[in-house]
Amino acid sequence: MDEYSLEFAKGWEDTFGKLDRSMRERVWKKIQQLKMQMPARHLKQGLAFFVSEAGQYRIAYKADEKRKVKTIYFVGDHEEYEKWLGI
């Protein structure tokens, strides 16, 4: 099974750092699962982003299949997620 390395986009820690400790731990576990090859849901048709969920929180990332790297861009609740998307 393929394994990906993880990278973090500039500024992603701003949203991650706002989470309380228990939610950061839960989200971090989910981020670590992204290292594995698994089905992913596109953020929105036509965008290169994928989204994963950890409870009420969304993790937005891009996958580079050639380099086997997933880059994490955002983590936040549904309202923050929509704001980040510009909806």
N, C-alpha and C. Protein backbone atom coordinates (compact mmCIF):
# COMPACT_ATOMS: atom_id res chain seq x y z
N MET A 1 0.84 -1.18 0.00
CA MET A 1 0.00 0.00 0.00
C MET A 1 0.89 1.24 0.00
N ASP A 2 0.55 2.21 -0.84
CA ASP A 2 1.33 3.44 -0.94
C ASP A 2 1.18 4.28 0.32
N GLU A 3 2.27 4.93 0.67
CA GLU A 3 2.22 5.85 1.79
C GLU A 3 2.66 7.22 1.31
N TYR A 4 1.97 8.23 1.79
CA TYR A 4 2.26 9.62 1.43
C TYR A 4 3.03 10.29 2.54
N SER A 5 3.83 11.28 2.16
CA SER A 5 4.40 12.15 3.18
C SER A 5 3.46 13.35 3.29
N LEU A 6 3.57 14.07 4.38
CA LEU A 6 2.70 15.22 4.62
C LEU A 6 3.51 16.51 4.62
N GLU A 7 2.91 17.53 4.05
CA GLU A 7 3.46 18.88 4.11
C GLU A 7 2.33 19.78 4.59
N PHE A 8 2.70 20.93 5.10
CA PHE A 8 1.71 21.85 5.64
C PHE A 8 1.90 23.22 5.00
N ALA A 9 0.83 23.72 4.40
CA ALA A 9 0.89 25.02 3.72
C ALA A 9 1.08 26.13 4.74
N LYS A 10 1.71 27.19 4.31
CA LYS A 10 1.92 28.35 5.17
C LYS A 10 0.56 28.84 5.67
N GLY A 11 0.47 29.09 6.97
CA GLY A 11 -0.76 29.61 7.55
C GLY A 11 -1.72 28.56 8.05
N TRP A 12 -1.50 27.30 7.74
CA TRP A 12 -2.45 26.28 8.18
C TRP A 12 -2.50 26.19 9.71
N GLU A 13 -1.36 26.44 10.35
CA GLU A 13 -1.31 26.34 11.81
C GLU A 13 -2.15 27.40 12.50
N ASP A 14 -2.49 28.48 11.78
CA ASP A 14 -3.37 29.50 12.35
C ASP A 14 -4.73 28.90 12.70
N THR A 15 -5.27 28.09 11.81
CA THR A 15 -6.57 27.48 12.08
C THR A 15 -6.43 26.30 13.04
N PHE A 16 -5.37 25.52 12.86
CA PHE A 16 -5.15 24.35 13.73
C PHE A 16 -4.93 24.80 15.17
N GLY A 17 -4.18 25.87 15.36
CA GLY A 17 -3.86 26.37 16.69
C GLY A 17 -5.06 26.89 17.46
N LYS A 18 -6.15 27.22 16.77
CA LYS A 18 -7.36 27.72 17.43
C LYS A 18 -8.19 26.61 18.07
N LEU A 19 -7.91 25.36 17.70
CA LEU A 19 -8.68 24.24 18.23
C LEU A 19 -8.30 23.98 19.69
N ASP A 20 -9.26 23.50 20.47
CA ASP A 20 -8.90 23.13 21.84
C ASP A 20 -8.06 21.85 21.79
N ARG A 21 -7.41 21.55 22.91
CA ARG A 21 -6.43 20.47 22.93
C ARG A 21 -7.01 19.12 22.48
N SER A 22 -8.17 18.77 22.99
CA SER A 22 -8.74 17.46 22.64
C SER A 22 -9.08 17.38 21.16
N MET A 23 -9.57 18.48 20.59
CA MET A 23 -9.90 18.47 19.17
C MET A 23 -8.63 18.46 18.32
N ARG A 24 -7.59 19.16 18.77
CA ARG A 24 -6.31 19.12 18.04
C ARG A 24 -5.80 17.68 17.97
N GLU A 25 -5.90 16.96 19.08
CA GLU A 25 -5.45 15.56 19.09
C GLU A 25 -6.26 14.72 18.12
N ARG A 26 -7.55 14.91 18.12
CA ARG A 26 -8.44 14.14 17.22
C ARG A 26 -8.14 14.47 15.76
N VAL A 27 -8.00 15.76 15.46
CA VAL A 27 -7.70 16.18 14.09
C VAL A 27 -6.32 15.69 13.68
N TRP A 28 -5.34 15.75 14.59
CA TRP A 28 -3.99 15.30 14.27
C TRP A 28 -3.98 13.81 13.91
N LYS A 29 -4.76 13.00 14.64
CA LYS A 29 -4.86 11.57 14.31
C LYS A 29 -5.41 11.38 12.91
N LYS A 30 -6.42 12.17 12.57
CA LYS A 30 -7.01 12.07 11.23
C LYS A 30 -6.00 12.49 10.17
N ILE A 31 -5.24 13.54 10.44
CA ILE A 31 -4.20 13.99 9.50
C ILE A 31 -3.18 12.88 9.29
N GLN A 32 -2.80 12.19 10.36
CA GLN A 32 -1.84 11.10 10.23
C GLN A 32 -2.39 9.96 9.36
N GLN A 33 -3.70 9.75 9.41
CA GLN A 33 -4.33 8.72 8.57
C GLN A 33 -4.22 9.08 7.08
N LEU A 34 -4.07 10.37 6.79
CA LEU A 34 -3.97 10.79 5.39
C LEU A 34 -2.69 10.30 4.73
N LYS A 35 -1.76 9.80 5.52
CA LYS A 35 -0.53 9.24 4.96
C LYS A 35 -0.83 7.99 4.14
N MET A 36 -1.93 7.35 4.43
CA MET A 36 -2.28 6.12 3.74
C MET A 36 -3.12 6.41 2.50
N GLN A 37 -3.05 5.51 1.53
CA GLN A 37 -3.88 5.59 0.33
C GLN A 37 -5.31 5.25 0.74
N MET A 38 -6.23 6.18 0.55
CA MET A 38 -7.63 5.92 0.89
C MET A 38 -8.53 6.74 -0.02
N PRO A 39 -9.77 6.34 -0.18
CA PRO A 39 -10.68 7.13 -1.01
C PRO A 39 -10.81 8.54 -0.43
N ALA A 40 -10.89 9.51 -1.32
CA ALA A 40 -10.99 10.90 -0.89
C ALA A 40 -12.14 11.59 -1.61
N ARG A 41 -12.73 12.55 -0.94
CA ARG A 41 -13.85 13.30 -1.50
C ARG A 41 -13.33 14.67 -1.94
N HIS A 42 -13.65 15.03 -3.19
CA HIS A 42 -13.27 16.35 -3.67
C HIS A 42 -14.01 17.42 -2.88
N LEU A 43 -13.30 18.48 -2.58
CA LEU A 43 -13.87 19.60 -1.84
C LEU A 43 -15.07 20.16 -2.58
N LYS A 44 -14.90 20.39 -3.84
CA LYS A 44 -15.95 20.96 -4.67
C LYS A 44 -15.57 20.61 -6.11
N GLN A 45 -16.53 20.27 -6.92
CA GLN A 45 -16.24 19.88 -8.30
C GLN A 45 -15.40 20.94 -8.99
N GLY A 46 -14.32 20.53 -9.61
CA GLY A 46 -13.47 21.45 -10.33
C GLY A 46 -12.30 22.00 -9.54
N LEU A 47 -12.27 21.78 -8.21
CA LEU A 47 -11.15 22.24 -7.39
C LEU A 47 -10.20 21.08 -7.13
N ALA A 48 -8.93 21.41 -6.97
CA ALA A 48 -7.92 20.39 -6.74
C ALA A 48 -7.86 19.92 -5.29
N PHE A 49 -8.66 20.52 -4.42
CA PHE A 49 -8.64 20.18 -3.01
C PHE A 49 -9.51 18.96 -2.71
N PHE A 50 -9.08 18.23 -1.69
CA PHE A 50 -9.86 17.14 -1.13
C PHE A 50 -10.23 17.53 0.29
N VAL A 51 -11.24 16.87 0.84
CA VAL A 51 -11.66 17.17 2.20
C VAL A 51 -11.82 15.86 2.97
N SER A 52 -11.39 15.92 4.22
CA SER A 52 -11.57 14.81 5.14
C SER A 52 -12.25 15.39 6.38
N GLU A 53 -12.99 14.57 7.09
CA GLU A 53 -13.73 15.06 8.24
C GLU A 53 -13.28 14.39 9.53
N ALA A 54 -13.23 15.21 10.57
CA ALA A 54 -12.95 14.72 11.92
C ALA A 54 -14.03 15.33 12.81
N GLY A 55 -15.09 14.59 13.02
CA GLY A 55 -16.23 15.13 13.75
C GLY A 55 -16.85 16.27 12.97
N GLN A 56 -17.01 17.42 13.60
CA GLN A 56 -17.59 18.59 12.95
C GLN A 56 -16.54 19.41 12.19
N TYR A 57 -15.30 18.96 12.17
CA TYR A 57 -14.21 19.71 11.56
C TYR A 57 -13.85 19.15 10.19
N ARG A 58 -13.38 20.04 9.34
CA ARG A 58 -12.98 19.68 7.98
C ARG A 58 -11.48 19.91 7.83
N ILE A 59 -10.84 19.02 7.10
CA ILE A 59 -9.41 19.15 6.79
C ILE A 59 -9.33 19.22 5.26
N ALA A 60 -8.81 20.32 4.75
CA ALA A 60 -8.68 20.50 3.30
C ALA A 60 -7.22 20.29 2.91
N TYR A 61 -7.01 19.49 1.85
CA TYR A 61 -5.65 19.19 1.42
C TYR A 61 -5.62 18.94 -0.08
N LYS A 62 -4.41 18.96 -0.61
CA LYS A 62 -4.17 18.59 -2.01
C LYS A 62 -3.25 17.39 -2.01
N ALA A 63 -3.40 16.54 -3.02
CA ALA A 63 -2.56 15.36 -3.15
C ALA A 63 -1.74 15.46 -4.43
N ASP A 64 -0.45 15.26 -4.30
CA ASP A 64 0.46 15.21 -5.45
C ASP A 64 0.82 13.74 -5.65
N GLU A 65 0.18 13.12 -6.63
CA GLU A 65 0.34 11.68 -6.84
C GLU A 65 1.74 11.32 -7.33
N LYS A 66 2.38 12.19 -8.09
CA LYS A 66 3.73 11.91 -8.58
C LYS A 66 4.74 11.88 -7.45
N ARG A 67 4.64 12.84 -6.55
CA ARG A 67 5.58 12.95 -5.43
C ARG A 67 5.12 12.15 -4.21
N LYS A 68 3.87 11.70 -4.21
CA LYS A 68 3.26 11.00 -3.08
C LYS A 68 3.30 11.89 -1.83
N VAL A 69 2.79 13.12 -2.00
CA VAL A 69 2.75 14.10 -0.92
C VAL A 69 1.34 14.65 -0.81
N LYS A 70 0.86 14.78 0.40
CA LYS A 70 -0.41 15.45 0.66
C LYS A 70 -0.09 16.72 1.45
N THR A 71 -0.58 17.84 0.96
CA THR A 71 -0.33 19.13 1.60
C THR A 71 -1.61 19.60 2.29
N ILE A 72 -1.52 19.82 3.59
CA ILE A 72 -2.66 20.25 4.39
C ILE A 72 -2.73 21.78 4.34
N TYR A 73 -3.91 22.30 4.00
CA TYR A 73 -4.10 23.74 3.85
C TYR A 73 -4.97 24.35 4.94
N PHE A 74 -5.92 23.59 5.45
CA PHE A 74 -6.91 24.19 6.34
C PHE A 74 -7.51 23.14 7.25
N VAL A 75 -7.85 23.57 8.47
CA VAL A 75 -8.67 22.76 9.37
C VAL A 75 -9.58 23.72 10.13
N GLY A 76 -10.85 23.36 10.23
CA GLY A 76 -11.80 24.20 10.95
C GLY A 76 -13.19 23.62 10.89
N ASP A 77 -14.10 24.25 11.63
CA ASP A 77 -15.48 23.77 11.62
C ASP A 77 -16.17 24.19 10.32
N HIS A 78 -17.42 23.77 10.17
CA HIS A 78 -18.15 23.99 8.92
C HIS A 78 -18.23 25.48 8.56
N GLU A 79 -18.49 26.32 9.54
CA GLU A 79 -18.61 27.76 9.28
C GLU A 79 -17.28 28.34 8.82
N GLU A 80 -16.19 27.97 9.50
CA GLU A 80 -14.86 28.45 9.11
C GLU A 80 -14.47 27.92 7.74
N TYR A 81 -14.88 26.68 7.47
CA TYR A 81 -14.61 26.03 6.19
C TYR A 81 -15.27 26.78 5.05
N GLU A 82 -16.53 27.16 5.23
CA GLU A 82 -17.23 27.92 4.19
C GLU A 82 -16.60 29.30 4.00
N LYS A 83 -16.18 29.92 5.08
CA LYS A 83 -15.52 31.21 5.00
C LYS A 83 -14.20 31.08 4.24
N TRP A 84 -13.43 30.02 4.54
CA TRP A 84 -12.17 29.76 3.88
C TRP A 84 -12.39 29.55 2.38
N LEU A 85 -13.48 28.87 2.03
CA LEU A 85 -13.81 28.62 0.63
C LEU A 85 -14.31 29.86 -0.09
N GLY A 86 -14.79 30.82 0.70
CA GLY A 86 -15.35 32.03 0.11
C GLY A 86 -16.80 31.86 -0.30
N ILE A 87 -17.52 30.95 0.38
CA ILE A 87 -18.94 30.70 0.08
C ILE A 87 -19.78 31.77 0.74
